[in-house]
Protein backbone atom coordinates (compact mmCIF):
# COMPACT_ATOMS: atom_id res chain seq x y z
CA MET A 1 13.31 -2.09 20.94
CA GLN A 2 13.42 1.41 22.45
CA ALA A 3 15.37 2.57 19.45
CA ILE A 4 12.60 1.29 17.07
CA LEU A 5 9.94 2.86 19.09
CA ASP A 6 11.81 6.26 18.93
CA ARG A 7 12.11 5.92 15.28
CA ILE A 8 8.42 5.43 14.82
CA LYS A 9 7.68 8.31 17.16
CA THR A 10 9.75 10.65 15.06
CA ALA A 11 8.20 9.53 11.87
CA SER A 12 4.80 10.57 13.14
CA PRO A 13 3.03 13.47 11.19
CA PRO A 14 2.91 16.92 12.93
CA ILE A 15 -0.54 16.97 14.48
CA PHE A 16 -2.16 20.29 15.50
CA ALA A 17 -5.62 21.32 16.64
CA ALA A 18 -7.71 22.53 13.68
CA ASP A 19 -11.13 23.99 13.58
CA ALA A 20 -13.29 22.07 11.03
CA ALA A 21 -15.00 25.29 10.10
CA GLU A 22 -11.72 26.60 8.77
CA LEU A 23 -11.08 23.66 6.57
CA THR A 24 -12.43 23.13 2.94
CA VAL A 25 -12.27 19.92 0.93
CA SER A 26 -12.29 19.72 -2.83
CA ILE A 27 -11.51 17.26 -5.58
CA LEU A 28 -7.88 17.49 -6.58
CA THR A 29 -6.86 18.17 -10.25
CA ALA A 30 -3.86 17.49 -12.40
CA ALA A 31 -2.73 20.99 -11.89
CA GLU A 32 -2.19 20.34 -8.25
CA GLU A 33 -0.17 17.21 -8.69
CA THR A 34 3.34 18.67 -7.99
CA GLU A 35 1.97 20.32 -4.75
CA VAL A 36 0.31 17.05 -3.67
CA LEU A 37 3.34 14.93 -4.26
CA GLU A 38 5.46 17.39 -2.18
CA PHE A 39 3.01 17.09 0.64
CA LEU A 40 2.99 13.34 0.50
CA GLY A 41 6.82 13.33 0.06
CA GLU A 42 7.29 14.75 3.51
CA ARG A 43 6.53 11.23 4.96
CA ILE A 44 6.86 9.03 1.90
CA ALA A 45 7.60 6.01 3.96
CA HIS A 46 4.15 6.16 5.14
CA THR A 47 2.29 7.71 2.14
CA PHE A 48 3.65 5.23 -0.34
CA GLY A 49 0.18 3.97 -1.39
CA MET A 50 -1.07 7.36 -2.59
CA VAL A 51 2.21 8.24 -4.11
CA GLY A 52 2.07 4.93 -6.12
CA PHE A 53 -1.39 5.72 -7.50
CA ILE A 54 -0.46 9.29 -8.57
CA ARG A 55 2.87 8.19 -10.12
CA ASN A 56 1.35 5.33 -12.02
CA ASN A 57 -1.93 6.90 -13.14
CA GLY A 58 -1.99 10.67 -12.29
CA ILE A 59 -4.36 12.27 -9.83
CA ALA A 60 -7.52 12.10 -12.02
CA SER A 61 -7.85 8.64 -13.60
CA PRO A 62 -10.34 5.81 -13.68
CA LEU A 63 -7.31 3.48 -12.84
CA ASN A 64 -7.32 4.86 -9.33
CA ARG A 65 -10.73 3.39 -8.87
CA GLY A 66 -11.59 6.40 -6.59
CA THR A 67 -11.19 10.20 -6.31
CA PHE A 68 -8.24 12.19 -4.76
CA TYR A 69 -9.49 15.05 -2.33
CA GLY A 70 -7.36 17.72 -0.82
CA CYS A 71 -8.18 19.43 2.60
CA ARG A 72 -7.06 23.05 2.85
CA ASP A 73 -6.91 25.52 5.74
CA ALA A 74 -8.00 29.11 5.67
CA ALA A 75 -4.70 30.13 4.02
CA GLY A 76 -5.08 27.63 1.35
CA GLU A 77 -2.41 25.39 2.56
CA LEU A 78 -2.85 21.62 2.23
CA GLN A 79 -3.64 19.96 5.48
CA GLY A 80 -4.61 16.57 4.10
CA VAL A 81 -4.87 14.38 0.99
CA ALA A 82 -7.04 11.35 0.59
CA LEU A 83 -7.95 8.86 -2.02
CA ILE A 84 -11.61 7.86 -1.51
CA GLY A 85 -12.91 4.80 -3.34
CA HIS A 86 -12.16 1.00 -3.70
CA ALA A 87 -9.05 1.53 -1.67
CA THR A 88 -9.43 4.54 0.77
CA LEU A 89 -6.15 6.10 1.92
CA PHE A 90 -5.31 9.26 3.60
CA GLU A 91 -2.61 11.53 5.07
CA ALA A 92 -3.55 14.45 7.25
CA ARG A 93 -2.01 17.04 9.68
CA SER A 94 -5.01 17.09 12.02
CA ASP A 95 -8.00 14.94 13.35
CA ALA A 96 -10.26 17.49 11.96
CA ALA A 97 -8.92 16.93 8.40
CA ILE A 98 -9.34 13.10 8.92
CA GLU A 99 -12.88 13.64 9.96
CA GLU A 100 -13.70 15.70 6.99
CA PHE A 101 -12.38 12.86 4.74
CA ALA A 102 -14.54 10.32 6.75
CA ARG A 103 -17.52 12.53 6.11
CA ILE A 104 -17.06 12.52 2.45
CA ALA A 105 -16.40 8.74 2.37
CA GLN A 106 -19.86 8.32 4.10
CA GLY A 107 -21.28 9.47 0.72
CA CYS A 108 -19.76 6.56 -1.22
CA THR A 109 -20.98 3.07 -1.38
CA ASN A 110 -18.16 1.40 -3.21
CA LEU A 111 -15.42 1.40 -0.59
CA PHE A 112 -13.70 -1.90 -0.35
CA MET A 113 -10.91 -1.28 2.17
CA LEU A 114 -9.60 1.46 4.49
CA LEU A 115 -5.83 1.53 5.05
CA GLY A 116 -3.81 3.86 7.21
CA GLU A 117 -1.85 4.30 10.39
CA GLN A 118 -3.31 2.75 13.35
CA GLU A 119 -4.30 5.90 15.37
CA ASP A 120 -5.54 7.73 12.25
CA VAL A 121 -7.66 4.89 11.08
CA GLN A 122 -9.38 5.00 14.51
CA VAL A 123 -10.12 8.68 14.13
CA PHE A 124 -11.46 8.05 10.66
CA TRP A 125 -13.55 5.04 11.82
CA ASN A 126 -15.13 6.90 14.65
CA ARG A 127 -16.49 9.53 12.36
CA TYR A 128 -17.29 7.26 9.39
CA SER A 129 -18.89 4.26 11.10
CA SER A 130 -21.93 6.19 12.21
CA ASP A 131 -23.23 6.42 8.70
CA GLY A 132 -20.94 4.40 6.49
CA GLN A 133 -20.51 0.72 5.26
CA ASN A 134 -20.15 -1.86 7.93
CA GLN A 135 -16.88 -3.50 8.82
CA ARG A 136 -16.28 -6.92 7.37
CA LEU A 137 -12.76 -7.71 8.49
CA HIS A 138 -10.08 -5.86 10.53
CA CYS A 139 -6.39 -6.55 10.25
CA ARG A 140 -3.30 -5.06 12.04
CA GLU A 141 -0.27 -4.73 9.94
CA LEU A 142 3.26 -3.90 10.58
CA LEU A 143 5.20 -1.63 8.33
CA PHE A 144 8.82 -2.91 7.55
CA GLU A 145 11.43 -0.91 6.00
CA LEU A 146 14.94 -1.52 4.57
CA ARG A 147 17.30 1.29 3.80
CA ALA A 148 20.67 -0.43 3.25
CA PRO A 149 21.56 -3.48 1.06
CA VAL A 150 21.98 -6.74 2.81
CA ASP A 151 25.44 -8.29 2.72
CA SER A 152 24.37 -11.36 0.72
CA GLN A 153 24.82 -10.82 -2.97
CA GLU A 154 23.67 -14.28 -4.01
CA ASP A 155 22.73 -14.17 -7.66
CA ILE A 156 19.36 -15.90 -8.42
CA ALA A 157 19.32 -16.36 -12.16
CA ASP A 158 15.66 -17.19 -12.28
CA LEU A 159 14.49 -14.00 -10.49
CA ARG A 160 13.39 -11.63 -13.12
CA LEU A 161 10.67 -9.12 -14.17
CA ALA A 162 7.61 -10.89 -15.44
CA THR A 163 6.63 -10.78 -19.22
CA ILE A 164 3.20 -10.76 -20.62
CA GLU A 165 3.79 -14.53 -21.47
CA ASP A 166 3.73 -15.12 -17.78
CA LEU A 167 0.24 -13.56 -17.20
CA ASP A 168 -1.57 -17.03 -17.03
CA ILE A 169 0.72 -18.03 -14.20
CA VAL A 170 0.71 -14.72 -12.36
CA VAL A 171 -3.09 -14.14 -12.24
CA PRO A 172 -4.13 -17.12 -10.17
CA VAL A 173 -1.29 -16.55 -7.60
CA HIS A 174 -2.07 -12.85 -7.34
CA ALA A 175 -5.70 -13.60 -6.86
CA ARG A 176 -4.91 -16.15 -4.01
CA THR A 177 -2.74 -13.62 -2.20
CA ALA A 178 -5.52 -11.05 -2.43
CA TYR A 179 -8.02 -13.69 -1.01
CA GLU A 180 -5.73 -14.59 1.80
CA GLU A 181 -5.56 -11.06 2.77
CA SER A 182 -9.06 -9.71 2.32
CA GLY A 183 -11.27 -12.83 2.25
CA VAL A 184 -12.52 -11.86 -1.30
CA ASN A 185 -11.29 -13.60 -4.46
CA PRO A 186 -11.18 -10.88 -7.21
CA MET A 187 -11.61 -13.58 -9.80
CA ASP A 188 -14.95 -14.22 -8.38
CA VAL A 189 -15.88 -10.48 -8.56
CA ASP A 190 -14.63 -9.31 -11.92
CA PRO A 191 -12.18 -11.59 -13.52
CA GLU A 192 -11.56 -9.68 -16.63
CA ALA A 193 -10.78 -6.32 -14.90
CA PHE A 194 -8.49 -8.21 -12.40
CA ARG A 195 -6.66 -9.84 -15.26
CA GLN A 196 -6.34 -6.47 -17.07
CA ARG A 197 -4.83 -4.94 -13.94
CA CYS A 198 -2.28 -7.72 -13.59
CA ALA A 199 -1.40 -7.33 -17.22
CA ARG A 200 -0.88 -3.73 -16.82
CA ARG A 201 1.56 -4.17 -13.76
CA ILE A 202 3.39 -6.54 -15.95
CA GLU A 203 3.64 -4.22 -18.87
CA GLN A 204 4.80 -1.39 -16.55
CA GLN A 205 7.62 -3.70 -15.23
CA GLN A 206 6.25 -3.94 -11.74
CA THR A 207 5.95 -7.64 -11.25
CA TRP A 208 8.98 -9.82 -10.20
CA VAL A 209 8.94 -13.58 -10.56
CA MET A 210 10.93 -16.70 -10.09
CA ILE A 211 9.56 -19.49 -12.26
CA GLN A 212 11.06 -23.00 -12.48
CA ASN A 213 9.78 -25.70 -14.75
CA GLY A 214 6.60 -23.78 -15.41
CA ARG A 215 5.79 -23.20 -11.88
CA LEU A 216 5.73 -19.83 -9.94
CA ILE A 217 8.05 -20.17 -6.97
CA PHE A 218 8.24 -16.52 -5.88
CA LYS A 219 6.37 -13.30 -6.82
CA ALA A 220 6.32 -9.69 -5.72
CA GLU A 221 4.55 -6.54 -6.92
CA ILE A 222 6.02 -3.06 -7.10
CA VAL A 223 3.14 -0.73 -6.22
CA THR A 224 5.17 2.56 -5.71
CA ASP A 225 8.39 3.05 -7.48
CA SER A 226 10.35 6.35 -6.79
CA GLU A 227 13.75 7.51 -5.88
CA ASP A 228 12.65 7.91 -2.23
CA VAL A 229 10.64 4.64 -1.68
CA VAL A 230 9.69 1.30 -3.32
CA TYR A 231 6.53 -0.27 -1.92
CA LEU A 232 6.08 -3.96 -2.43
CA GLU A 233 2.95 -5.99 -1.94
CA GLY A 234 1.61 -9.37 -3.06
CA VAL A 235 4.92 -11.03 -1.94
CA ASP A 236 4.41 -14.79 -2.18
CA VAL A 237 6.19 -18.10 -2.17
CA ASN A 238 4.55 -21.12 -3.67
CA PRO A 239 3.00 -22.99 -0.61
CA GLU A 240 4.47 -26.25 -1.77
CA GLU A 241 8.01 -24.67 -1.69
CA ARG A 242 7.78 -22.74 1.57
CA GLY A 243 10.39 -23.42 4.27
CA LYS A 244 13.18 -23.90 1.64
CA GLY A 245 14.72 -20.51 1.91
CA TYR A 246 13.16 -19.21 -1.37
CA GLY A 247 11.56 -16.20 0.32
CA LEU A 248 14.63 -15.00 2.05
CA ARG A 249 17.01 -15.46 -0.86
CA CYS A 250 14.55 -13.76 -3.38
CA ILE A 251 13.48 -10.84 -1.11
CA SER A 252 17.10 -10.07 -0.29
CA ARG A 253 18.25 -10.22 -3.86
CA LEU A 254 15.24 -8.17 -5.10
CA SER A 255 15.75 -5.59 -2.35
CA ASN A 256 19.43 -5.13 -3.36
CA ILE A 257 18.44 -4.53 -6.82
CA LEU A 258 15.86 -2.04 -5.91
CA LEU A 259 18.12 -0.20 -3.45
CA GLU A 260 20.35 0.56 -6.49
CA ARG A 261 17.72 3.21 -7.48
CA THR A 262 15.69 4.07 -4.26
CA ARG A 263 16.52 5.11 -0.74
CA SER A 264 14.03 2.75 0.95
CA VAL A 265 12.02 -0.45 0.31
CA VAL A 266 8.94 -0.75 2.40
CA LEU A 267 6.14 -3.49 2.75
CA LEU A 268 3.31 -4.35 5.09
CA VAL A 269 3.05 -7.72 6.95
CA ASN A 270 0.00 -9.02 8.74
CA GLU A 271 0.70 -9.11 12.46
CA LYS A 272 -0.41 -12.69 12.70
CA ASN A 273 2.05 -13.89 9.90
CA LYS A 274 5.15 -14.49 12.17
CA ILE A 275 6.96 -16.52 9.57
CA ALA A 276 7.00 -13.63 7.17
CA GLN A 277 8.08 -11.24 9.94
CA ARG A 278 10.99 -13.31 10.74
CA CYS A 279 11.92 -13.74 7.11
CA TYR A 280 11.96 -9.90 6.49
CA GLN A 281 13.90 -9.28 9.65
CA LYS A 282 16.53 -11.70 8.60
CA ALA A 283 16.76 -9.80 5.35
CA GLY A 284 17.51 -6.62 7.25
CA PHE A 285 14.13 -5.02 7.37
CA GLU A 286 13.09 -3.10 10.46
CA LEU A 287 9.85 -2.09 12.13
CA ASN A 288 8.72 1.40 11.17
CA GLY A 289 5.03 1.72 12.02
CA TYR A 290 1.69 0.09 12.75
CA PHE A 291 -1.04 0.15 10.22
CA ASP A 292 -4.69 -0.97 10.30
CA THR A 293 -6.65 -2.32 7.30
CA ILE A 294 -10.53 -2.40 7.51
CA PHE A 295 -12.33 -4.31 4.83
CA LEU A 296 -15.86 -3.19 4.36
CA LYS A 297 -19.20 -5.01 3.62
CA GLN A 298 -20.22 -4.20 0.09
CA VAL A 299 -23.54 -2.48 -0.45
CA VAL A 300 -26.06 -4.59 -2.39
CA ASN A 301 -28.09 -2.46 -4.79
């Protein structure tokens, strides 16, 4: 356990005292993309979310469902990067930079969720909550990481990339996993847009499935795909098939496939989901951090 805690400690960002008066925040542009990715790449096992948005969509795109901001010091050096919008994510080198992002977020009314490392989210929330949207749900999540392939090389013939013909099977399952995590069913909010996002992930070869006799047994979504890290979300086993080993076999095989092209596979697990935690640990994943997710009450116009 101490080794795990030491690893988490060494992965923490270099925090320094910064004067907010010396910081400036501005909307990032495509011309700054290389610089931003280098900044986020310093701790890519923790900045996977923003890296995924940028690699999939670019810095300035409506597909991000938000706006990327950069926080710079007096010398013009990046001290923080944030995506503020439907999903609000950030990486910063000082509490002052986090507070600047929280101040900007107070001017938005469409935030759905805030995700970040536990202590940083607390700093953000202390500044944001005084004049922002109210909290609807708070979740503590564990970051698990796998760096080496597991010994088992069991071939699972039915595990494959989804095709657009699988869309009608994938959509309701992905909607269910989103509801179980957030308490909001995206099919009730904007079903067509949600269906389009699912279709785009399939077209970009980001959705893995195991389908037997027309039933979706296992599903996983690749959100970030790079040579440094692959971030998975929406991992699900059909409720009627749980306890039969499908989850362990599929996540082990999928991780081995992904580790042929990346250095690390990461995913987040709700701290209350002990069964999933045990499954990932059996598959060789190790604890690498603590995250908080805050879901926000939507503003009624």
